[in-house]
Amino acid sequence: MVVGNARERKWILEVLVVVLVVKLLALVLSVSAWLVIQNQPADLLSLWNRWDAPHYVDIARYGYTAAGEQRFFIVFPPLFPLLIRLLALATSSYELAALLVSNFASVLASIYLFKLARLDLPESAALRSVFYFCIFPTAYFLIAGYSESLFLLLTISCIYYARTRRWALAGLAGMLSTATRLTGLALVPALLCELLQQHAQNHRGQGSYNAKAERRKQKWRAPMAILMTFLGFLAYLMLNFAVFGDAFAFMSIEREHWFKHFAPPWVGLFGAMHGIFWREPAEVVLICFAEIFFAFFAVACIVYAMKFRISYCIYMLFSFIAFTSTTFWLSIPRYTLSLFPVFILLASLSKRKDVLHYVFSIAFASFFAFFTILFTQGRWAF
């Protein structure tokens, strides 16, 4: 990633200010909430090492195995734990290393999001997309030791490099994304869309020497880059085979331990709706209403993306199908964070009506604070 002229450096600096201020405020909020609610000294590492975060740390510390409870962690792909392990060599703390990897990756993801949004929007609107990204209700996962930040860095940079026709870098980022999260495979149809659109643009300018040269370059580079995206997934399958003797062991673990297997999206929807009538009040809010609301929010953004850019629509659609096609819905608000075109779409909407900017900002920031407190208190928050 190259930061160019003075004007670009100015905007990148503003991006960094937005990202770091939000992170600082979230850390202060988490510690303050713990001190007040628990009336005990706060340990920052413990506050942010919740739910799945310790699993990544355990993988980094002990590796994958087919024995004991550690065998269940094969469902977590290897790139994020590998980076934690490497950084822990310098920090001597796996928990600190996890937070550092997550936060550094989210800073870079924010810069790439700005650069990607700026391809279609003015700089001020691109900055708003970063702001919405940082204060999204589940953006606290960009601070915690989860793989969300790394995954978003890789997927956003993949699309950015594809759109700027640097296909080798797009392929590398795509490959690493599927070694981080299986939903990185949604990049494949999105990259195909970008390739077809660029081919059409080249065809319209076929008479020029530059257009012909560009077509010759893309003839092999773009398809090879798209194929590279599968390599991270293949590496994960090889890992499964090496540990369990079964390349698809992760699917068996998902089914047997987490009781999740493939089902049409409406099965999860009906399950969430039915839960309203029998779950406890807190679960009704966090497991039923929240899952349903964020699912419909994602669908609305997917539909709007059809008018904005088809590759964004395709990426979000395939990602959405992947995380909703299961027997029961869980963590959809967190998975919605990975639909990064959402923030570009919202920024494009709010530039037309300032009132939308205030609505998005107030709503996102309010729930971001609320869910951050829940998460760092050890309560369920997706």
Protein backbone atom coordinates (compact mmCIF):
# COMPACT_ATOMS: atom_id res chain seq x y z
CA MET A 1 0.00 0.00 0.00
CA VAL A 2 1.44 3.34 -1.07
CA VAL A 3 0.41 6.65 0.44
CA GLY A 4 0.94 9.22 -2.31
CA ASN A 5 0.71 12.98 -2.42
CA ALA A 6 0.17 15.47 0.38
CA ARG A 7 -3.60 15.56 -0.18
CA GLU A 8 -3.85 11.79 0.18
CA ARG A 9 -1.63 11.80 3.26
CA LYS A 10 -3.93 14.38 4.82
CA TRP A 11 -6.99 12.18 4.34
CA ILE A 12 -5.17 9.06 5.54
CA LEU A 13 -4.20 10.98 8.68
CA GLU A 14 -7.86 11.82 9.24
CA VAL A 15 -8.73 8.15 8.84
CA LEU A 16 -6.14 7.25 11.47
CA VAL A 17 -7.52 9.87 13.84
CA VAL A 18 -11.08 8.52 13.48
CA VAL A 19 -9.98 4.91 13.98
CA LEU A 20 -7.70 5.52 16.94
CA VAL A 21 -10.08 7.87 18.76
CA VAL A 22 -12.91 5.33 18.52
CA LYS A 23 -10.62 2.57 19.77
CA LEU A 24 -9.38 4.69 22.66
CA LEU A 25 -12.90 5.63 23.71
CA ALA A 26 -14.00 1.99 23.52
CA LEU A 27 -11.10 0.91 25.74
CA VAL A 28 -11.88 3.66 28.26
CA LEU A 29 -15.55 2.69 28.19
CA SER A 30 -14.79 -0.98 28.79
CA VAL A 31 -12.57 -0.28 31.78
CA SER A 32 -14.92 2.33 33.26
CA ALA A 33 -17.94 0.03 32.90
CA TRP A 34 -16.10 -2.80 34.62
CA LEU A 35 -14.99 -0.60 37.52
CA VAL A 36 -18.50 0.72 38.07
CA ILE A 37 -20.54 -2.44 37.48
CA GLN A 38 -18.19 -5.01 39.02
CA ASN A 39 -16.55 -2.65 41.54
CA GLN A 40 -13.27 -4.49 41.00
CA PRO A 41 -9.91 -3.66 39.42
CA ALA A 42 -9.96 -4.06 35.64
CA ASP A 43 -7.57 -6.16 33.57
CA LEU A 44 -7.71 -4.83 30.02
CA LEU A 45 -6.48 -8.06 28.44
CA SER A 46 -9.10 -10.12 30.25
CA LEU A 47 -11.90 -7.69 29.35
CA TRP A 48 -11.26 -8.15 25.63
CA ASN A 49 -10.35 -11.84 25.74
CA ARG A 50 -13.93 -13.16 25.64
CA TRP A 51 -15.93 -15.95 24.03
CA ASP A 52 -14.09 -17.18 20.90
CA ALA A 53 -10.99 -15.08 21.54
CA PRO A 54 -9.45 -17.62 23.98
CA HIS A 55 -9.91 -20.34 21.34
CA TYR A 56 -7.67 -18.46 18.91
CA VAL A 57 -5.13 -18.00 21.69
CA ASP A 58 -5.21 -21.72 22.51
CA ILE A 59 -4.64 -22.63 18.87
CA ALA A 60 -1.71 -20.20 18.72
CA ARG A 61 -0.25 -21.64 21.91
CA TYR A 62 -0.86 -25.38 21.43
CA GLY A 63 -1.69 -25.85 17.76
CA TYR A 64 -4.42 -28.10 16.36
CA THR A 65 -5.05 -31.60 17.68
CA ALA A 66 -7.50 -34.44 17.21
CA ALA A 67 -7.72 -35.18 20.95
CA GLY A 68 -9.56 -33.57 23.85
CA GLU A 69 -11.59 -30.38 23.74
CA GLN A 70 -8.86 -28.73 21.67
CA ARG A 71 -10.06 -30.82 18.71
CA PHE A 72 -13.16 -28.65 18.45
CA PHE A 73 -11.03 -25.65 17.44
CA ILE A 74 -10.36 -27.05 13.97
CA VAL A 75 -13.39 -24.98 12.88
CA PHE A 76 -11.18 -21.88 13.19
CA PRO A 77 -8.92 -21.46 10.11
CA PRO A 78 -5.19 -21.04 10.76
CA LEU A 79 -3.94 -17.65 9.55
CA PHE A 80 -5.07 -15.52 12.51
CA PRO A 81 -3.73 -17.96 15.16
CA LEU A 82 -0.47 -18.21 13.18
CA LEU A 83 0.03 -14.44 13.31
CA ILE A 84 -0.74 -14.45 17.03
CA ARG A 85 1.90 -17.13 17.57
CA LEU A 86 4.50 -15.21 15.59
CA LEU A 87 3.85 -11.94 17.40
CA ALA A 88 3.80 -13.69 20.78
CA LEU A 89 7.47 -14.48 20.23
CA ALA A 90 8.10 -10.75 20.69
CA THR A 91 5.41 -9.88 23.27
CA SER A 92 5.63 -13.04 25.43
CA SER A 93 1.85 -12.80 25.80
CA TYR A 94 -0.54 -14.57 23.47
CA GLU A 95 -3.49 -12.50 24.69
CA LEU A 96 -1.66 -9.22 24.00
CA ALA A 97 -0.48 -10.53 20.64
CA ALA A 98 -4.07 -11.34 19.65
CA LEU A 99 -5.21 -7.81 20.47
CA LEU A 100 -2.26 -6.26 18.63
CA VAL A 101 -2.86 -8.30 15.48
CA SER A 102 -6.57 -7.48 15.53
CA ASN A 103 -6.13 -3.76 16.11
CA PHE A 104 -3.27 -3.28 13.67
CA ALA A 105 -5.22 -5.16 11.00
CA SER A 106 -8.31 -3.03 11.61
CA VAL A 107 -6.30 0.16 11.17
CA LEU A 108 -5.04 -1.07 7.81
CA ALA A 109 -8.53 -2.28 6.88
CA SER A 110 -9.87 1.21 7.55
CA ILE A 111 -7.25 2.77 5.27
CA TYR A 112 -8.08 0.33 2.49
CA LEU A 113 -11.79 0.96 2.99
CA PHE A 114 -11.17 4.68 2.54
CA LYS A 115 -9.13 4.09 -0.61
CA LEU A 116 -11.77 1.74 -2.01
CA ALA A 117 -14.66 4.10 -1.22
CA ARG A 118 -12.76 6.98 -2.79
CA LEU A 119 -12.88 5.20 -6.15
CA ASP A 120 -16.60 6.03 -6.28
CA LEU A 121 -17.16 8.79 -3.73
CA PRO A 122 -15.67 12.15 -2.76
CA GLU A 123 -13.03 12.04 -0.04
CA SER A 124 -15.40 13.40 2.62
CA ALA A 125 -17.91 10.62 1.88
CA ALA A 126 -15.12 8.01 1.87
CA LEU A 127 -14.11 9.23 5.33
CA ARG A 128 -17.72 8.81 6.48
CA SER A 129 -17.62 5.19 5.33
CA VAL A 130 -14.67 4.64 7.66
CA PHE A 131 -16.50 6.40 10.48
CA TYR A 132 -19.56 4.15 10.06
CA PHE A 133 -17.25 1.14 9.92
CA CYS A 134 -15.56 2.07 13.21
CA ILE A 135 -18.78 2.75 15.13
CA PHE A 136 -20.91 -0.02 13.64
CA PRO A 137 -22.81 -1.74 16.49
CA THR A 138 -20.53 -4.79 16.37
CA ALA A 139 -17.28 -2.97 15.55
CA TYR A 140 -15.89 -3.87 18.98
CA PHE A 141 -14.81 -7.09 17.26
CA LEU A 142 -12.24 -4.90 15.50
CA ILE A 143 -10.64 -4.46 18.93
CA ALA A 144 -11.11 -7.90 20.50
CA GLY A 145 -8.87 -10.86 19.68
CA TYR A 146 -11.10 -12.10 16.86
CA SER A 147 -10.29 -12.75 13.21
CA GLU A 148 -12.74 -10.10 11.93
CA SER A 149 -10.12 -7.37 11.52
CA LEU A 150 -7.68 -9.55 9.63
CA PHE A 151 -10.43 -10.94 7.43
CA LEU A 152 -11.72 -7.45 6.60
CA LEU A 153 -8.21 -6.20 5.83
CA LEU A 154 -7.72 -9.02 3.35
CA THR A 155 -11.14 -8.88 1.68
CA ILE A 156 -11.20 -5.09 1.34
CA SER A 157 -7.66 -4.98 -0.03
CA CYS A 158 -8.49 -7.85 -2.40
CA ILE A 159 -11.39 -5.94 -3.95
CA TYR A 160 -9.39 -2.70 -3.97
CA TYR A 161 -6.50 -4.29 -5.85
CA ALA A 162 -8.90 -5.97 -8.28
CA ARG A 163 -10.64 -2.69 -9.00
CA THR A 164 -7.29 -0.97 -9.57
CA ARG A 165 -6.23 -3.89 -11.82
CA ARG A 166 -3.39 -5.12 -9.64
CA TRP A 167 -4.50 -8.71 -9.92
CA ALA A 168 -1.44 -10.39 -8.44
CA LEU A 169 -1.97 -8.52 -5.16
CA ALA A 170 -5.71 -9.21 -5.35
CA GLY A 171 -5.00 -12.94 -5.68
CA LEU A 172 -2.58 -12.91 -2.74
CA ALA A 173 -5.07 -11.09 -0.51
CA GLY A 174 -7.87 -13.42 -1.61
CA MET A 175 -5.77 -16.48 -0.84
CA LEU A 176 -4.97 -15.21 2.65
CA SER A 177 -8.62 -14.31 3.27
CA THR A 178 -9.78 -17.90 2.73
CA ALA A 179 -7.09 -19.02 5.16
CA THR A 180 -8.69 -16.67 7.70
CA ARG A 181 -12.42 -17.23 7.19
CA LEU A 182 -14.21 -19.66 4.87
CA THR A 183 -16.57 -16.88 3.78
CA GLY A 184 -13.59 -15.47 1.92
CA LEU A 185 -14.74 -17.77 -0.89
CA ALA A 186 -17.44 -15.17 -1.57
CA LEU A 187 -14.64 -13.14 -3.13
CA VAL A 188 -14.47 -15.56 -6.07
CA PRO A 189 -17.78 -14.57 -7.75
CA ALA A 190 -17.14 -10.92 -6.83
CA LEU A 191 -13.74 -11.00 -8.53
CA LEU A 192 -15.29 -12.66 -11.57
CA CYS A 193 -17.75 -9.77 -11.78
CA GLU A 194 -14.90 -7.25 -11.59
CA LEU A 195 -13.02 -9.12 -14.31
CA LEU A 196 -16.03 -9.15 -16.62
CA GLN A 197 -16.70 -5.46 -16.02
CA GLN A 198 -13.09 -4.56 -16.74
CA HIS A 199 -13.15 -6.74 -19.85
CA ALA A 200 -16.21 -4.83 -21.07
CA GLN A 201 -14.45 -1.52 -20.40
CA ASN A 202 -11.37 -2.68 -22.30
CA HIS A 203 -13.54 -3.85 -25.17
CA ARG A 204 -15.15 -0.43 -25.47
CA GLY A 205 -11.68 1.07 -25.78
CA GLN A 206 -10.30 -1.71 -27.96
CA GLY A 207 -8.94 0.65 -30.60
CA SER A 208 -6.29 2.17 -28.33
CA TYR A 209 -2.84 0.69 -27.85
CA ASN A 210 -3.15 0.93 -24.03
CA ALA A 211 -6.43 -0.99 -24.05
CA LYS A 212 -4.91 -3.79 -26.11
CA ALA A 213 -1.91 -3.99 -23.83
CA GLU A 214 -4.23 -4.08 -20.82
CA ARG A 215 -6.19 -6.95 -22.30
CA ARG A 216 -3.03 -8.96 -22.86
CA LYS A 217 -1.97 -8.44 -19.26
CA GLN A 218 -5.35 -9.44 -17.85
CA LYS A 219 -5.71 -12.48 -20.09
CA TRP A 220 -3.80 -14.60 -17.59
CA ARG A 221 -3.24 -12.46 -14.51
CA ALA A 222 -6.86 -11.98 -13.51
CA PRO A 223 -7.97 -15.63 -13.88
CA MET A 224 -4.86 -16.82 -12.04
CA ALA A 225 -5.55 -14.33 -9.25
CA ILE A 226 -9.11 -15.62 -8.91
CA LEU A 227 -7.84 -19.21 -8.78
CA MET A 228 -5.32 -18.19 -6.11
CA THR A 229 -8.22 -17.33 -3.81
CA PHE A 230 -8.97 -21.03 -3.50
CA LEU A 231 -5.46 -21.83 -2.25
CA GLY A 232 -6.10 -20.59 1.29
CA PHE A 233 -9.17 -22.81 1.49
CA LEU A 234 -7.22 -25.78 0.09
CA ALA A 235 -4.52 -25.21 2.70
CA TYR A 236 -7.23 -25.34 5.38
CA LEU A 237 -8.55 -28.62 3.95
CA MET A 238 -5.01 -30.03 4.00
CA LEU A 239 -4.71 -28.97 7.64
CA ASN A 240 -7.93 -30.84 8.44
CA PHE A 241 -6.59 -33.92 6.68
CA ALA A 242 -3.23 -33.72 8.44
CA VAL A 243 -4.84 -33.50 11.89
CA PHE A 244 -7.92 -35.73 11.47
CA GLY A 245 -7.32 -37.74 8.32
CA ASP A 246 -10.42 -36.08 6.90
CA ALA A 247 -10.25 -32.93 4.79
CA PHE A 248 -13.78 -31.97 5.85
CA ALA A 249 -13.46 -32.74 9.56
CA PHE A 250 -14.46 -29.17 10.40
CA MET A 251 -17.94 -29.85 9.04
CA SER A 252 -18.37 -32.88 11.31
CA ILE A 253 -17.20 -30.85 14.32
CA GLU A 254 -19.63 -28.04 13.48
CA ARG A 255 -22.48 -30.56 13.32
CA GLU A 256 -21.56 -32.68 16.35
CA HIS A 257 -20.28 -30.05 18.79
CA TRP A 258 -22.05 -26.85 17.74
CA PHE A 259 -25.12 -28.63 16.32
CA LYS A 260 -24.91 -26.58 13.13
CA HIS A 261 -25.21 -27.89 9.60
CA PHE A 262 -26.45 -26.64 6.26
CA ALA A 263 -30.08 -25.57 6.00
CA PRO A 264 -31.95 -23.00 3.88
CA PRO A 265 -31.82 -19.46 5.36
CA TRP A 266 -35.52 -19.48 6.19
CA VAL A 267 -34.96 -22.34 8.66
CA GLY A 268 -32.78 -20.07 10.79
CA LEU A 269 -35.22 -17.20 10.34
CA PHE A 270 -38.19 -19.25 11.53
CA GLY A 271 -36.12 -20.53 14.44
CA ALA A 272 -35.26 -16.98 15.51
CA MET A 273 -38.90 -15.93 15.21
CA HIS A 274 -40.09 -18.94 17.18
CA GLY A 275 -37.56 -18.22 19.93
CA ILE A 276 -39.38 -14.97 20.70
CA PHE A 277 -42.11 -17.00 22.37
CA TRP A 278 -40.02 -19.21 24.65
CA ARG A 279 -36.62 -17.61 25.29
CA GLU A 280 -35.78 -15.44 28.30
CA PRO A 281 -36.08 -11.64 27.81
CA ALA A 282 -32.34 -11.06 27.31
CA GLU A 283 -32.17 -13.84 24.74
CA VAL A 284 -35.23 -12.49 22.94
CA VAL A 285 -33.38 -9.21 22.42
CA LEU A 286 -29.91 -10.58 21.63
CA ILE A 287 -30.65 -13.91 19.96
CA CYS A 288 -34.00 -13.28 18.31
CA PHE A 289 -34.63 -9.60 17.55
CA ALA A 290 -30.98 -8.70 16.92
CA GLU A 291 -30.41 -11.65 14.59
CA ILE A 292 -33.57 -10.90 12.61
CA PHE A 293 -32.96 -7.14 12.43
CA PHE A 294 -29.38 -7.42 11.20
CA ALA A 295 -30.38 -10.07 8.67
CA PHE A 296 -33.02 -7.80 7.15
CA PHE A 297 -30.61 -4.85 7.31
CA ALA A 298 -28.10 -6.92 5.32
CA VAL A 299 -30.73 -7.88 2.76
CA ALA A 300 -31.70 -4.23 2.28
CA CYS A 301 -28.05 -3.32 1.67
CA ILE A 302 -27.62 -6.19 -0.79
CA VAL A 303 -30.62 -4.97 -2.78
CA TYR A 304 -29.35 -1.37 -2.80
CA ALA A 305 -25.89 -2.55 -3.87
CA MET A 306 -27.39 -3.75 -7.16
CA LYS A 307 -27.74 -0.08 -8.11
CA PHE A 308 -24.28 0.82 -6.85
CA ARG A 309 -21.83 -1.88 -8.00
CA ILE A 310 -22.71 -5.43 -8.94
CA SER A 311 -19.53 -7.00 -7.53
CA TYR A 312 -20.36 -5.54 -4.10
CA CYS A 313 -23.84 -7.00 -4.36
CA ILE A 314 -22.46 -10.43 -5.33
CA TYR A 315 -19.90 -10.47 -2.51
CA MET A 316 -22.52 -9.56 0.09
CA LEU A 317 -25.09 -11.96 -1.32
CA PHE A 318 -22.80 -14.99 -1.24
CA SER A 319 -21.48 -14.04 2.22
CA PHE A 320 -25.03 -13.62 3.49
CA ILE A 321 -26.09 -17.00 2.12
CA ALA A 322 -23.03 -18.60 3.74
CA PHE A 323 -23.69 -17.35 7.27
CA THR A 324 -27.49 -17.67 7.21
CA SER A 325 -27.74 -21.13 5.60
CA THR A 326 -27.60 -23.01 8.87
CA THR A 327 -29.97 -24.76 11.24
CA PHE A 328 -30.08 -21.81 13.62
CA TRP A 329 -28.98 -18.20 13.38
CA LEU A 330 -26.25 -17.03 15.73
CA SER A 331 -23.86 -14.06 15.50
CA ILE A 332 -25.41 -12.56 12.38
CA PRO A 333 -24.81 -9.02 13.77
CA ARG A 334 -21.09 -9.88 13.94
CA TYR A 335 -21.04 -11.45 10.49
CA THR A 336 -22.78 -8.39 9.05
CA LEU A 337 -19.67 -6.41 9.98
CA SER A 338 -17.78 -8.40 7.34
CA LEU A 339 -20.10 -7.05 4.61
CA PHE A 340 -17.80 -4.06 4.15
CA PRO A 341 -19.59 -2.57 1.09
CA VAL A 342 -22.38 -1.69 3.53
CA PHE A 343 -20.33 1.22 4.82
CA ILE A 344 -19.63 2.58 1.37
CA LEU A 345 -23.32 2.33 0.53
CA LEU A 346 -24.32 4.18 3.71
CA ALA A 347 -21.78 6.91 3.00
CA SER A 348 -23.20 7.31 -0.52
CA LEU A 349 -26.69 7.69 0.94
CA SER A 350 -25.80 10.11 3.71
CA LYS A 351 -24.03 12.52 1.34
CA ARG A 352 -27.41 13.26 -0.20
CA LYS A 353 -29.21 13.97 3.05
CA ASP A 354 -27.32 15.19 6.10
CA VAL A 355 -30.06 13.94 8.38
CA LEU A 356 -29.17 10.37 7.44
CA HIS A 357 -25.63 10.94 8.63
CA TYR A 358 -26.91 11.94 12.07
CA VAL A 359 -29.32 9.02 12.18
CA PHE A 360 -26.62 6.51 11.26
CA SER A 361 -24.09 8.06 13.64
CA ILE A 362 -26.36 8.22 16.68
CA ALA A 363 -27.87 4.77 16.16
CA PHE A 364 -24.54 3.07 15.48
CA ALA A 365 -22.64 4.78 18.29
CA SER A 366 -25.38 4.07 20.84
CA PHE A 367 -25.51 0.35 20.13
CA PHE A 368 -21.74 0.16 19.73
CA ALA A 369 -21.37 1.43 23.30
CA PHE A 370 -24.14 -0.86 24.59
CA PHE A 371 -22.76 -4.02 22.98
CA THR A 372 -19.19 -3.12 23.93
CA ILE A 373 -20.18 -3.03 27.57
CA LEU A 374 -22.02 -6.34 27.25
CA PHE A 375 -19.08 -8.02 25.54
CA THR A 376 -16.40 -6.81 27.94
CA GLN A 377 -18.61 -7.73 30.92
CA GLY A 378 -18.60 -11.31 29.65
CA ARG A 379 -22.24 -11.21 28.55
CA TRP A 380 -23.37 -12.63 25.22
CA ALA A 381 -22.89 -10.09 22.46
CA PHE A 382 -22.75 -12.09 19.23
